[in-house]
Amino acid sequence: MQGRLIVLEGIDGSGKSTQYGLLVRRLEMEGREFRRVGFPRYDCSSSALVRAYLAGDFGSAPGDVNPYAASTFYAVDRYASFRTDWGRFYDGGGLVLCDRWTTSNACHQGAKLPAEQRGPFLDWLAEFEYGLLGLPRPDRVIYLDVAIKDAVDRLERRGGEDIHERDRDYLAACLDAGRFAAAHYGWIVVSAGDRTPEAIHGDIYRAVLDIL
């Protein structure tokens, strides 16, 4: 009996963490049984290459590591998480709420490619993670769309930037790649612009209610 996987996705500064927390609290208040997972798992050994990459050990700019190589760093962390943590719960029919998934490679690594190469990359990514690695495909992906200025403002208030967050041109490319991926894969797009967190949450909740 296969479970259900709901993913919240968005570029850095999209307000995704806030919305993930609101959805978690809503499901807890409703007494629903579910597991929460988030990526990358910085406190786990499986994210060692991710941490090295984001710290700039392989180059000071995101483009110093090609999107296919960087995607494998993140995929290893997801594979380890699924196999050692929540895979049995999911395979038994459980509901899993995920803060980032393969979807993040689509946005952050797809941003490194020109538009005409993004489609083939997204097809490769799906075959690699869902086909070859055997990771579950999401039942629903909610993509938070945001103006680049709003995302930058949030990041500046938050501080503690990695090589992705420091590069504003790259952040804008991630937004473009995320919108491309949303159309390519058929994600649900929720506007996370100049609206209250509660209004955004309402849209997200309604978008997933039928599979809870």
N, C-alpha and C. Protein backbone atom coordinates (compact mmCIF):
# COMPACT_ATOMS: atom_id res chain seq x y z
N MET A 1 0.85 -1.20 0.00
CA MET A 1 0.00 0.00 0.00
C MET A 1 0.87 1.24 0.00
N GLN A 2 0.86 1.97 -1.09
CA GLN A 2 1.72 3.14 -1.23
C GLN A 2 1.18 4.32 -0.44
N GLY A 3 2.09 5.10 0.12
CA GLY A 3 1.70 6.27 0.88
C GLY A 3 1.44 7.47 0.01
N ARG A 4 1.41 8.62 0.65
CA ARG A 4 1.22 9.90 -0.05
C ARG A 4 2.35 10.83 0.34
N LEU A 5 2.87 11.52 -0.66
CA LEU A 5 3.99 12.43 -0.45
C LEU A 5 3.60 13.82 -0.94
N ILE A 6 3.58 14.76 -0.02
CA ILE A 6 3.28 16.16 -0.34
C ILE A 6 4.55 16.96 -0.16
N VAL A 7 4.89 17.78 -1.16
CA VAL A 7 6.13 18.53 -1.14
C VAL A 7 5.84 20.02 -1.23
N LEU A 8 6.49 20.80 -0.38
CA LEU A 8 6.49 22.25 -0.50
C LEU A 8 7.82 22.68 -1.08
N GLU A 9 7.76 23.48 -2.14
CA GLU A 9 8.98 23.90 -2.84
C GLU A 9 8.94 25.40 -3.12
N GLY A 10 10.10 25.98 -3.23
CA GLY A 10 10.23 27.40 -3.54
C GLY A 10 11.68 27.80 -3.43
N ILE A 11 12.04 28.92 -4.04
CA ILE A 11 13.42 29.37 -3.97
C ILE A 11 13.72 29.88 -2.56
N ASP A 12 14.99 30.07 -2.26
CA ASP A 12 15.38 30.64 -0.99
C ASP A 12 14.73 32.02 -0.85
N GLY A 13 14.11 32.26 0.30
CA GLY A 13 13.43 33.52 0.53
C GLY A 13 11.99 33.56 0.08
N SER A 14 11.45 32.42 -0.31
CA SER A 14 10.06 32.37 -0.78
C SER A 14 9.05 32.28 0.37
N GLY A 15 9.54 32.08 1.59
CA GLY A 15 8.64 31.89 2.72
C GLY A 15 8.22 30.45 2.91
N LYS A 16 8.94 29.55 2.28
CA LYS A 16 8.59 28.13 2.31
C LYS A 16 8.63 27.55 3.72
N SER A 17 9.65 27.90 4.48
CA SER A 17 9.77 27.36 5.85
C SER A 17 8.59 27.79 6.71
N THR A 18 8.16 29.04 6.55
CA THR A 18 6.99 29.52 7.29
C THR A 18 5.75 28.73 6.91
N GLN A 19 5.55 28.52 5.62
CA GLN A 19 4.37 27.80 5.16
C GLN A 19 4.42 26.33 5.54
N TYR A 20 5.60 25.75 5.53
CA TYR A 20 5.73 24.37 5.96
C TYR A 20 5.33 24.24 7.43
N GLY A 21 5.80 25.16 8.25
CA GLY A 21 5.44 25.14 9.66
C GLY A 21 3.95 25.30 9.89
N LEU A 22 3.31 26.18 9.13
CA LEU A 22 1.87 26.38 9.27
C LEU A 22 1.10 25.12 8.88
N LEU A 23 1.54 24.45 7.82
CA LEU A 23 0.83 23.23 7.40
C LEU A 23 1.04 22.11 8.41
N VAL A 24 2.25 22.00 8.95
CA VAL A 24 2.51 21.00 9.98
C VAL A 24 1.59 21.21 11.18
N ARG A 25 1.51 22.44 11.64
CA ARG A 25 0.66 22.73 12.81
C ARG A 25 -0.80 22.46 12.51
N ARG A 26 -1.24 22.76 11.29
CA ARG A 26 -2.64 22.51 10.92
C ARG A 26 -2.95 21.02 10.97
N LEU A 27 -2.07 20.21 10.42
CA LEU A 27 -2.30 18.77 10.42
C LEU A 27 -2.23 18.19 11.83
N GLU A 28 -1.34 18.72 12.65
CA GLU A 28 -1.26 18.26 14.03
C GLU A 28 -2.53 18.60 14.79
N MET A 29 -3.06 19.80 14.60
CA MET A 29 -4.29 20.21 15.27
C MET A 29 -5.47 19.35 14.83
N GLU A 30 -5.44 18.88 13.59
CA GLU A 30 -6.52 18.03 13.08
C GLU A 30 -6.35 16.57 13.50
N GLY A 31 -5.25 16.28 14.16
CA GLY A 31 -5.02 14.91 14.63
C GLY A 31 -4.65 13.92 13.54
N ARG A 32 -4.10 14.41 12.44
CA ARG A 32 -3.74 13.52 11.34
C ARG A 32 -2.38 12.88 11.62
N GLU A 33 -2.25 11.62 11.25
CA GLU A 33 -0.97 10.93 11.39
C GLU A 33 -0.13 11.20 10.14
N PHE A 34 1.08 11.70 10.34
CA PHE A 34 1.95 11.97 9.21
C PHE A 34 3.39 12.07 9.70
N ARG A 35 4.31 12.00 8.77
CA ARG A 35 5.72 12.19 9.07
C ARG A 35 6.19 13.47 8.39
N ARG A 36 7.07 14.20 9.04
CA ARG A 36 7.64 15.40 8.46
C ARG A 36 9.11 15.16 8.18
N VAL A 37 9.54 15.53 6.97
CA VAL A 37 10.94 15.40 6.60
C VAL A 37 11.34 16.65 5.83
N GLY A 38 12.63 16.98 5.90
CA GLY A 38 13.13 18.16 5.21
C GLY A 38 14.54 17.93 4.70
N PHE A 39 14.88 18.63 3.65
CA PHE A 39 16.19 18.47 3.01
C PHE A 39 16.80 19.82 2.67
N PRO A 40 18.15 19.87 2.65
CA PRO A 40 19.10 18.82 3.02
C PRO A 40 19.09 18.56 4.52
N ARG A 41 19.54 17.38 4.92
CA ARG A 41 19.62 17.02 6.34
C ARG A 41 21.06 17.33 6.81
N TYR A 42 21.27 18.58 7.17
CA TYR A 42 22.63 19.05 7.45
C TYR A 42 23.29 18.33 8.62
N ASP A 43 22.51 17.73 9.50
CA ASP A 43 23.09 17.05 10.67
C ASP A 43 23.40 15.59 10.41
N CYS A 44 23.24 15.12 9.17
CA CYS A 44 23.47 13.71 8.85
C CYS A 44 24.69 13.56 7.93
N SER A 45 25.37 12.43 8.07
CA SER A 45 26.57 12.19 7.28
C SER A 45 26.26 12.12 5.78
N SER A 46 25.03 11.75 5.43
CA SER A 46 24.67 11.62 4.02
C SER A 46 24.65 12.96 3.29
N SER A 47 24.69 14.07 4.03
CA SER A 47 24.70 15.39 3.40
C SER A 47 26.10 16.00 3.34
N ALA A 48 27.13 15.19 3.57
CA ALA A 48 28.50 15.71 3.62
C ALA A 48 28.87 16.47 2.34
N LEU A 49 28.55 15.89 1.17
CA LEU A 49 28.90 16.55 -0.09
C LEU A 49 28.06 17.80 -0.31
N VAL A 50 26.83 17.79 0.14
CA VAL A 50 25.99 18.99 0.05
C VAL A 50 26.60 20.12 0.87
N ARG A 51 27.00 19.80 2.10
CA ARG A 51 27.59 20.82 2.96
C ARG A 51 28.88 21.37 2.38
N ALA A 52 29.69 20.50 1.83
CA ALA A 52 30.94 20.94 1.22
C ALA A 52 30.67 21.84 0.01
N TYR A 53 29.70 21.46 -0.79
CA TYR A 53 29.33 22.24 -1.97
C TYR A 53 28.83 23.63 -1.58
N LEU A 54 27.90 23.69 -0.63
CA LEU A 54 27.33 24.98 -0.23
C LEU A 54 28.34 25.86 0.50
N ALA A 55 29.31 25.25 1.14
CA ALA A 55 30.35 26.02 1.83
C ALA A 55 31.38 26.59 0.86
N GLY A 56 31.35 26.15 -0.40
CA GLY A 56 32.28 26.65 -1.39
C GLY A 56 33.52 25.82 -1.55
N ASP A 57 33.54 24.60 -1.01
CA ASP A 57 34.73 23.76 -1.11
C ASP A 57 35.03 23.35 -2.55
N PHE A 58 34.02 23.30 -3.40
CA PHE A 58 34.21 22.88 -4.79
C PHE A 58 34.23 24.07 -5.75
N GLY A 59 34.16 25.26 -5.21
CA GLY A 59 34.13 26.48 -6.01
C GLY A 59 33.26 27.52 -5.32
N SER A 60 33.59 28.77 -5.50
CA SER A 60 32.92 29.84 -4.76
C SER A 60 31.59 30.27 -5.37
N ALA A 61 31.27 29.77 -6.57
CA ALA A 61 30.02 30.12 -7.24
C ALA A 61 29.24 28.85 -7.55
N PRO A 62 27.90 28.93 -7.55
CA PRO A 62 27.09 27.73 -7.83
C PRO A 62 27.46 27.05 -9.14
N GLY A 63 27.78 27.83 -10.17
CA GLY A 63 28.08 27.26 -11.47
C GLY A 63 29.40 26.53 -11.55
N ASP A 64 30.20 26.59 -10.50
CA ASP A 64 31.47 25.87 -10.50
C ASP A 64 31.28 24.35 -10.45
N VAL A 65 30.09 23.91 -10.06
CA VAL A 65 29.77 22.48 -10.05
C VAL A 65 28.59 22.28 -11.01
N ASN A 66 28.75 21.42 -12.00
CA ASN A 66 27.70 21.28 -13.00
C ASN A 66 26.43 20.68 -12.38
N PRO A 67 25.27 20.95 -12.98
CA PRO A 67 24.00 20.57 -12.35
C PRO A 67 23.82 19.07 -12.16
N TYR A 68 24.41 18.26 -13.01
CA TYR A 68 24.26 16.82 -12.88
C TYR A 68 25.05 16.31 -11.68
N ALA A 69 26.27 16.81 -11.51
CA ALA A 69 27.08 16.41 -10.36
C ALA A 69 26.44 16.88 -9.06
N ALA A 70 26.05 18.15 -9.01
CA ALA A 70 25.46 18.69 -7.79
C ALA A 70 24.17 17.97 -7.44
N SER A 71 23.39 17.59 -8.44
CA SER A 71 22.14 16.88 -8.18
C SER A 71 22.38 15.56 -7.46
N THR A 72 23.49 14.90 -7.80
CA THR A 72 23.75 13.62 -7.14
C THR A 72 24.06 13.81 -5.65
N PHE A 73 24.68 14.95 -5.29
CA PHE A 73 24.97 15.20 -3.87
C PHE A 73 23.67 15.18 -3.07
N TYR A 74 22.68 15.90 -3.55
CA TYR A 74 21.40 16.01 -2.84
C TYR A 74 20.62 14.70 -2.90
N ALA A 75 20.71 14.01 -4.04
CA ALA A 75 19.97 12.76 -4.20
C ALA A 75 20.43 11.71 -3.20
N VAL A 76 21.73 11.66 -2.92
CA VAL A 76 22.25 10.69 -1.95
C VAL A 76 21.63 10.92 -0.58
N ASP A 77 21.50 12.17 -0.19
CA ASP A 77 20.89 12.48 1.11
C ASP A 77 19.44 12.04 1.16
N ARG A 78 18.70 12.23 0.08
CA ARG A 78 17.31 11.81 0.04
C ARG A 78 17.19 10.29 0.07
N TYR A 79 18.06 9.63 -0.67
CA TYR A 79 18.04 8.16 -0.69
C TYR A 79 18.30 7.60 0.71
N ALA A 80 19.30 8.14 1.39
CA ALA A 80 19.63 7.66 2.74
C ALA A 80 18.46 7.90 3.69
N SER A 81 17.83 9.05 3.57
CA SER A 81 16.70 9.36 4.43
C SER A 81 15.54 8.39 4.21
N PHE A 82 15.22 8.16 2.94
CA PHE A 82 14.10 7.28 2.62
C PHE A 82 14.37 5.86 3.11
N ARG A 83 15.58 5.37 2.88
CA ARG A 83 15.88 3.98 3.22
C ARG A 83 16.04 3.74 4.72
N THR A 84 16.49 4.72 5.45
CA THR A 84 16.80 4.50 6.87
C THR A 84 15.79 5.13 7.83
N ASP A 85 14.92 6.00 7.33
CA ASP A 85 14.08 6.76 8.25
C ASP A 85 12.58 6.53 8.01
N TRP A 86 12.07 6.98 6.89
CA TRP A 86 10.62 7.03 6.72
C TRP A 86 10.07 6.16 5.59
N GLY A 87 10.93 5.41 4.90
CA GLY A 87 10.47 4.61 3.77
C GLY A 87 9.44 3.57 4.15
N ARG A 88 9.65 2.89 5.29
CA ARG A 88 8.70 1.85 5.70
C ARG A 88 7.34 2.46 6.04
N PHE A 89 7.36 3.62 6.69
CA PHE A 89 6.11 4.31 7.01
C PHE A 89 5.36 4.67 5.73
N TYR A 90 6.09 5.22 4.76
CA TYR A 90 5.49 5.59 3.49
C TYR A 90 4.94 4.37 2.75
N ASP A 91 5.75 3.31 2.66
CA ASP A 91 5.33 2.10 1.95
C ASP A 91 4.12 1.44 2.60
N GLY A 92 3.92 1.72 3.88
CA GLY A 92 2.76 1.18 4.57
C GLY A 92 1.51 2.04 4.44
N GLY A 93 1.58 3.05 3.59
CA GLY A 93 0.41 3.89 3.34
C GLY A 93 0.42 5.22 4.08
N GLY A 94 1.55 5.57 4.70
CA GLY A 94 1.62 6.78 5.50
C GLY A 94 1.69 8.06 4.68
N LEU A 95 1.31 9.15 5.33
CA LEU A 95 1.36 10.48 4.74
C LEU A 95 2.67 11.14 5.15
N VAL A 96 3.42 11.65 4.17
CA VAL A 96 4.70 12.30 4.42
C VAL A 96 4.64 13.72 3.88
N LEU A 97 4.99 14.66 4.73
CA LEU A 97 5.02 16.08 4.36
C LEU A 97 6.48 16.50 4.25
N CYS A 98 6.88 16.95 3.09
CA CYS A 98 8.30 17.14 2.78
C CYS A 98 8.62 18.60 2.48
N ASP A 99 9.62 19.12 3.18
CA ASP A 99 10.17 20.44 2.92
C ASP A 99 11.35 20.28 1.98
N ARG A 100 11.12 20.47 0.70
CA ARG A 100 12.06 20.21 -0.40
C ARG A 100 12.14 18.71 -0.70
N TRP A 101 12.41 18.43 -1.97
CA TRP A 101 12.55 17.05 -2.43
C TRP A 101 13.36 17.09 -3.73
N THR A 102 13.20 16.12 -4.59
CA THR A 102 13.84 16.17 -5.90
C THR A 102 13.55 17.50 -6.60
N THR A 103 12.43 18.06 -6.27
CA THR A 103 11.98 19.34 -6.82
C THR A 103 13.01 20.45 -6.64
N SER A 104 13.81 20.39 -5.58
CA SER A 104 14.81 21.44 -5.37
C SER A 104 15.94 21.36 -6.38
N ASN A 105 16.31 20.14 -6.77
CA ASN A 105 17.29 20.02 -7.84
C ASN A 105 16.75 20.64 -9.13
N ALA A 106 15.47 20.46 -9.37
CA ALA A 106 14.86 21.03 -10.58
C ALA A 106 15.03 22.55 -10.61
N CYS A 107 14.87 23.18 -9.46
CA CYS A 107 14.96 24.65 -9.38
C CYS A 107 16.41 25.11 -9.32
N HIS A 108 17.16 24.60 -8.35
CA HIS A 108 18.49 25.14 -8.07
C HIS A 108 19.55 24.66 -9.05
N GLN A 109 19.41 23.47 -9.56
CA GLN A 109 20.38 22.98 -10.54
C GLN A 109 19.93 23.30 -11.97
N GLY A 110 18.64 23.28 -12.21
CA GLY A 110 18.14 23.68 -13.52
C GLY A 110 18.48 25.12 -13.84
N ALA A 111 18.67 25.93 -12.80
CA ALA A 111 19.01 27.34 -12.99
C ALA A 111 20.37 27.52 -13.65
N LYS A 112 21.21 26.51 -13.59
CA LYS A 112 22.55 26.60 -14.16
C LYS A 112 22.57 26.39 -15.68
N LEU A 113 21.43 26.01 -16.23
CA LEU A 113 21.36 25.65 -17.64
C LEU A 113 20.59 26.68 -18.44
N PRO A 114 20.93 26.84 -19.72
CA PRO A 114 20.10 27.69 -20.59
C PRO A 114 18.72 27.05 -20.76
N ALA A 115 17.76 27.87 -21.12
CA ALA A 115 16.36 27.43 -21.17
C ALA A 115 16.18 26.19 -22.03
N GLU A 116 16.89 26.11 -23.16
CA GLU A 116 16.67 25.00 -24.08
C GLU A 116 17.19 23.67 -23.54
N GLN A 117 18.02 23.71 -22.49
CA GLN A 117 18.55 22.48 -21.91
C GLN A 117 17.80 22.04 -20.64
N ARG A 118 16.88 22.86 -20.18
CA ARG A 118 16.21 22.54 -18.92
C ARG A 118 15.25 21.37 -19.05
N GLY A 119 14.52 21.28 -20.14
CA GLY A 119 13.60 20.17 -20.31
C GLY A 119 14.29 18.82 -20.25
N PRO A 120 15.35 18.61 -21.06
CA PRO A 120 16.08 17.34 -20.98
C PRO A 120 16.67 17.08 -19.60
N PHE A 121 17.13 18.14 -18.91
CA PHE A 121 17.65 17.96 -17.56
C PHE A 121 16.56 17.48 -16.61
N LEU A 122 15.38 18.06 -16.70
CA LEU A 122 14.28 17.66 -15.81
C LEU A 122 13.86 16.23 -16.09
N ASP A 123 13.88 15.81 -17.35
CA ASP A 123 13.56 14.42 -17.66
C ASP A 123 14.61 13.48 -17.08
N TRP A 124 15.88 13.85 -17.22
CA TRP A 124 16.96 13.04 -16.63
C TRP A 124 16.81 12.96 -15.12
N LEU A 125 16.50 14.08 -14.49
CA LEU A 125 16.39 14.13 -13.04
C LEU A 125 15.29 13.19 -12.53
N ALA A 126 14.15 13.21 -13.19
CA ALA A 126 13.04 12.34 -12.78
C ALA A 126 13.42 10.86 -12.97
N GLU A 127 14.06 10.55 -14.06
CA GLU A 127 14.46 9.16 -14.30
C GLU A 127 15.53 8.72 -13.29
N PHE A 128 16.45 9.61 -12.96
CA PHE A 128 17.53 9.29 -12.03
C PHE A 128 16.99 9.02 -10.63
N GLU A 129 16.24 9.97 -10.08
CA GLU A 129 15.81 9.83 -8.69
C GLU A 129 14.62 8.90 -8.52
N TYR A 130 13.62 9.02 -9.37
CA TYR A 130 12.43 8.20 -9.22
C TYR A 130 12.59 6.83 -9.88
N GLY A 131 13.28 6.80 -11.02
CA GLY A 131 13.45 5.55 -11.72
C GLY A 131 14.61 4.72 -11.20
N LEU A 132 15.82 5.23 -11.33
CA LEU A 132 17.02 4.47 -10.98
C LEU A 132 17.20 4.32 -9.47
N LEU A 133 16.99 5.39 -8.71
CA LEU A 133 17.17 5.31 -7.26
C LEU A 133 15.94 4.75 -6.55
N GLY A 134 14.80 4.80 -7.20
CA GLY A 134 13.58 4.24 -6.62
C GLY A 134 12.94 5.10 -5.56
N LEU A 135 13.22 6.41 -5.58
CA LEU A 135 12.58 7.31 -4.62
C LEU A 135 11.14 7.59 -5.06
N PRO A 136 10.25 7.84 -4.11
CA PRO A 136 8.84 8.04 -4.47
C PRO A 136 8.59 9.37 -5.18
N ARG A 137 7.73 9.32 -6.17
CA ARG A 137 7.28 10.55 -6.82
C ARG A 137 6.27 11.26 -5.92
N PRO A 138 6.31 12.57 -5.85
CA PRO A 138 5.33 13.28 -5.04
C PRO A 138 3.92 13.13 -5.61
N ASP A 139 2.96 13.06 -4.71
CA ASP A 139 1.56 13.09 -5.15
C ASP A 139 1.10 14.51 -5.41
N ARG A 140 1.73 15.45 -4.72
CA ARG A 140 1.37 16.86 -4.89
C ARG A 140 2.59 17.72 -4.56
N VAL A 141 2.93 18.62 -5.47
CA VAL A 141 3.99 19.60 -5.23
C VAL A 141 3.37 20.98 -5.25
N ILE A 142 3.58 21.73 -4.17
CA ILE A 142 3.13 23.11 -4.08
C ILE A 142 4.35 24.00 -4.26
N TYR A 143 4.33 24.80 -5.31
CA TYR A 143 5.46 25.70 -5.60
C TYR A 143 5.06 27.12 -5.22
N LEU A 144 5.85 27.71 -4.32
CA LEU A 144 5.60 29.07 -3.87
C LEU A 144 6.28 30.05 -4.81
N ASP A 145 5.49 30.80 -5.54
CA ASP A 145 6.01 31.77 -6.49
C ASP A 145 6.12 33.13 -5.80
N VAL A 146 7.24 33.81 -6.00
CA VAL A 146 7.51 35.04 -5.27
C VAL A 146 8.31 35.98 -6.17
N ALA A 147 8.12 37.29 -6.00
CA ALA A 147 8.94 38.26 -6.71
C ALA A 147 10.36 38.20 -6.18
N ILE A 148 11.33 38.37 -7.06
CA ILE A 148 12.73 38.24 -6.64
C ILE A 148 13.08 39.26 -5.57
N LYS A 149 12.51 40.45 -5.64
CA LYS A 149 12.81 41.48 -4.62
C LYS A 149 12.35 41.02 -3.25
N ASP A 150 11.17 40.42 -3.17
CA ASP A 150 10.68 39.93 -1.89
C ASP A 150 11.57 38.83 -1.33
N ALA A 151 12.03 37.95 -2.21
CA ALA A 151 12.92 36.88 -1.76
C ALA A 151 14.23 37.43 -1.23
N VAL A 152 14.81 38.39 -1.93
CA VAL A 152 16.08 39.00 -1.50
C VAL A 152 15.90 39.70 -0.17
N ASP A 153 14.80 40.42 -0.01
CA ASP A 153 14.55 41.13 1.25
C ASP A 153 14.49 40.14 2.42
N ARG A 154 13.82 39.03 2.22
CA ARG A 154 13.72 38.03 3.28
C ARG A 154 15.08 37.43 3.61
N LEU A 155 15.88 37.17 2.60
CA LEU A 155 17.20 36.60 2.83
C LEU A 155 18.10 37.57 3.58
N GLU A 156 18.00 38.85 3.25
CA GLU A 156 18.83 39.85 3.93
C GLU A 156 18.44 39.96 5.40
N ARG A 157 17.17 39.84 5.69
CA ARG A 157 16.73 39.88 7.09
C ARG A 157 17.18 38.62 7.83
N ARG A 158 17.22 37.50 7.13
CA ARG A 158 17.56 36.23 7.76
C ARG A 158 19.05 36.09 8.02
N GLY A 159 19.90 36.50 7.07
CA GLY A 159 21.35 36.39 7.22
C GLY A 159 21.83 34.96 7.06
N GLY A 160 23.13 34.72 7.29
CA GLY A 160 23.70 33.38 7.24
C GLY A 160 23.64 32.75 5.88
N GLU A 161 24.12 33.43 4.84
CA GLU A 161 23.94 32.98 3.47
C GLU A 161 25.01 31.98 3.03
N ASP A 162 24.59 31.00 2.19
CA ASP A 162 25.53 30.08 1.56
C ASP A 162 25.81 30.56 0.13
N ILE A 163 26.54 29.78 -0.67
CA ILE A 163 26.91 30.25 -2.00
C ILE A 163 25.70 30.42 -2.91
N HIS A 164 24.62 29.70 -2.67
CA HIS A 164 23.41 29.90 -3.45
C HIS A 164 22.78 31.25 -3.11
N GLU A 165 22.64 31.53 -1.84
CA GLU A 165 21.92 32.72 -1.40
C GLU A 165 22.69 34.01 -1.63
N ARG A 166 24.01 33.93 -1.68
CA ARG A 166 24.82 35.14 -1.87
C ARG A 166 24.76 35.65 -3.30
N ASP A 167 24.47 34.78 -4.25
CA ASP A 167 24.50 35.13 -5.66
C ASP A 167 23.08 35.50 -6.11
N ARG A 168 22.82 36.81 -6.20
CA ARG A 168 21.46 37.27 -6.51
C ARG A 168 21.06 36.94 -7.94
N ASP A 169 22.00 36.97 -8.87
CA ASP A 169 21.67 36.59 -10.25
C ASP A 169 21.28 35.11 -10.31
N TYR A 170 21.99 34.31 -9.55
CA TYR A 170 21.66 32.88 -9.50
C TYR A 170 20.28 32.67 -8.88
N LEU A 171 19.96 33.45 -7.84
CA LEU A 171 18.65 33.34 -7.21
C LEU A 171 17.54 33.65 -8.21
N ALA A 172 17.75 34.69 -9.03
CA ALA A 172 16.77 35.03 -10.06
C ALA A 172 16.65 33.91 -11.08
N ALA A 173 17.77 33.27 -11.42
CA ALA A 173 17.73 32.15 -12.35
C ALA A 173 16.99 30.97 -11.75
N CYS A 174 17.13 30.76 -10.42
CA CYS A 174 16.39 29.69 -9.74
C CYS A 174 14.89 29.93 -9.82
N LEU A 175 14.48 31.18 -9.69
CA LEU A 175 13.06 31.51 -9.79
C LEU A 175 12.55 31.19 -11.19
N ASP A 176 13.31 31.55 -12.20
CA ASP A 176 12.92 31.25 -13.58
C ASP A 176 12.87 29.74 -13.82
N ALA A 177 13.88 29.03 -13.29
CA ALA A 177 13.92 27.58 -13.45
C ALA A 177 12.78 26.91 -12.69
N GLY A 178 12.44 27.45 -11.53
CA GLY A 178 11.33 26.89 -10.76
C GLY A 178 10.01 27.04 -11.48
N ARG A 179 9.80 28.18 -12.10
CA ARG A 179 8.57 28.38 -12.86
C ARG A 179 8.53 27.45 -14.07
N PHE A 180 9.68 27.24 -14.69
CA PHE A 180 9.76 26.30 -15.82
C PHE A 180 9.44 24.89 -15.35
N ALA A 181 10.02 24.49 -14.23
CA ALA A 181 9.79 23.14 -13.70
C ALA A 181 8.33 22.94 -13.31
N ALA A 182 7.72 23.97 -12.73
CA ALA A 182 6.32 23.87 -12.33
C ALA A 182 5.43 23.57 -13.54
N ALA A 183 5.72 24.24 -14.64
CA ALA A 183 4.94 24.00 -15.86
C ALA A 183 5.28 22.63 -16.46
N HIS A 184 6.54 22.25 -16.42
CA HIS A 184 6.99 20.98 -17.01
C HIS A 184 6.41 19.78 -16.28
N TYR A 185 6.41 19.85 -14.96
CA TYR A 185 5.96 18.71 -14.14
C TYR A 185 4.48 18.80 -13.74
N GLY A 186 3.89 19.97 -13.88
CA GLY A 186 2.49 20.12 -13.48
C GLY A 186 2.30 20.39 -11.99
N TRP A 187 3.22 21.13 -11.39
CA TRP A 187 3.08 21.49 -9.98
C TRP A 187 1.95 22.51 -9.80
N ILE A 188 1.44 22.59 -8.59
CA ILE A 188 0.47 23.63 -8.25
C ILE A 188 1.24 24.87 -7.79
N VAL A 189 0.98 25.99 -8.41
CA VAL A 189 1.68 27.24 -8.11
C VAL A 189 0.80 28.10 -7.21
N VAL A 190 1.37 28.52 -6.08
CA VAL A 190 0.68 29.39 -5.13
C VAL A 190 1.47 30.69 -5.02
N SER A 191 0.79 31.79 -5.20
CA SER A 191 1.44 33.09 -5.09
C SER A 191 1.83 33.36 -3.64
N ALA A 192 3.12 33.64 -3.43
CA ALA A 192 3.62 33.94 -2.08
C ALA A 192 4.13 35.37 -2.02
N GLY A 193 3.52 36.24 -2.79
CA GLY A 193 3.94 37.63 -2.85
C GLY A 193 3.41 38.45 -1.69
N ASP A 194 2.85 39.60 -2.00
CA ASP A 194 2.42 40.55 -0.98
C ASP A 194 1.07 40.13 -0.40
N ARG A 195 1.10 39.03 0.36
CA ARG A 195 -0.09 38.48 1.00
C ARG A 195 0.28 38.03 2.41
N THR A 196 -0.72 37.88 3.26
CA THR A 196 -0.43 37.42 4.61
C THR A 196 -0.07 35.94 4.59
N PRO A 197 0.76 35.49 5.54
CA PRO A 197 1.07 34.06 5.62
C PRO A 197 -0.18 33.20 5.74
N GLU A 198 -1.19 33.71 6.43
CA GLU A 198 -2.42 32.94 6.63
C GLU A 198 -3.17 32.75 5.31
N ALA A 199 -3.17 33.80 4.46
CA ALA A 199 -3.85 33.69 3.17
C ALA A 199 -3.13 32.68 2.27
N ILE A 200 -1.81 32.72 2.28
CA ILE A 200 -1.03 31.78 1.49
C ILE A 200 -1.27 30.36 1.99
N HIS A 201 -1.27 30.19 3.31
CA HIS A 201 -1.53 28.88 3.89
C HIS A 201 -2.89 28.34 3.47
N GLY A 202 -3.88 29.20 3.42
CA GLY A 202 -5.22 28.76 3.02
C GLY A 202 -5.22 28.16 1.62
N ASP A 203 -4.49 28.78 0.70
CA ASP A 203 -4.39 28.25 -0.65
C ASP A 203 -3.69 26.89 -0.66
N ILE A 204 -2.63 26.78 0.14
CA ILE A 204 -1.88 25.53 0.19
C ILE A 204 -2.75 24.41 0.76
N TYR A 205 -3.43 24.69 1.84
CA TYR A 205 -4.26 23.67 2.49
C TYR A 205 -5.35 23.18 1.55
N ARG A 206 -5.98 24.08 0.86
CA ARG A 206 -7.03 23.68 -0.09
C ARG A 206 -6.47 22.85 -1.24
N ALA A 207 -5.21 23.10 -1.58
CA ALA A 207 -4.59 22.38 -2.70
C ALA A 207 -4.22 20.95 -2.35
N VAL A 208 -4.11 20.65 -1.06
CA VAL A 208 -3.70 19.29 -0.65
C VAL A 208 -4.79 18.53 0.08
N LEU A 209 -5.90 19.19 0.40
CA LEU A 209 -6.92 18.60 1.25
C LEU A 209 -7.44 17.26 0.74
N ASP A 210 -7.54 17.13 -0.58
CA ASP A 210 -8.13 15.90 -1.13
C ASP A 210 -7.25 14.68 -1.00
N ILE A 211 -5.95 14.85 -0.66
CA ILE A 211 -5.08 13.68 -0.53
C ILE A 211 -4.57 13.50 0.89
N LEU A 212 -5.11 14.25 1.84
CA LEU A 212 -4.68 14.09 3.24
C LEU A 212 -5.25 12.80 3.83
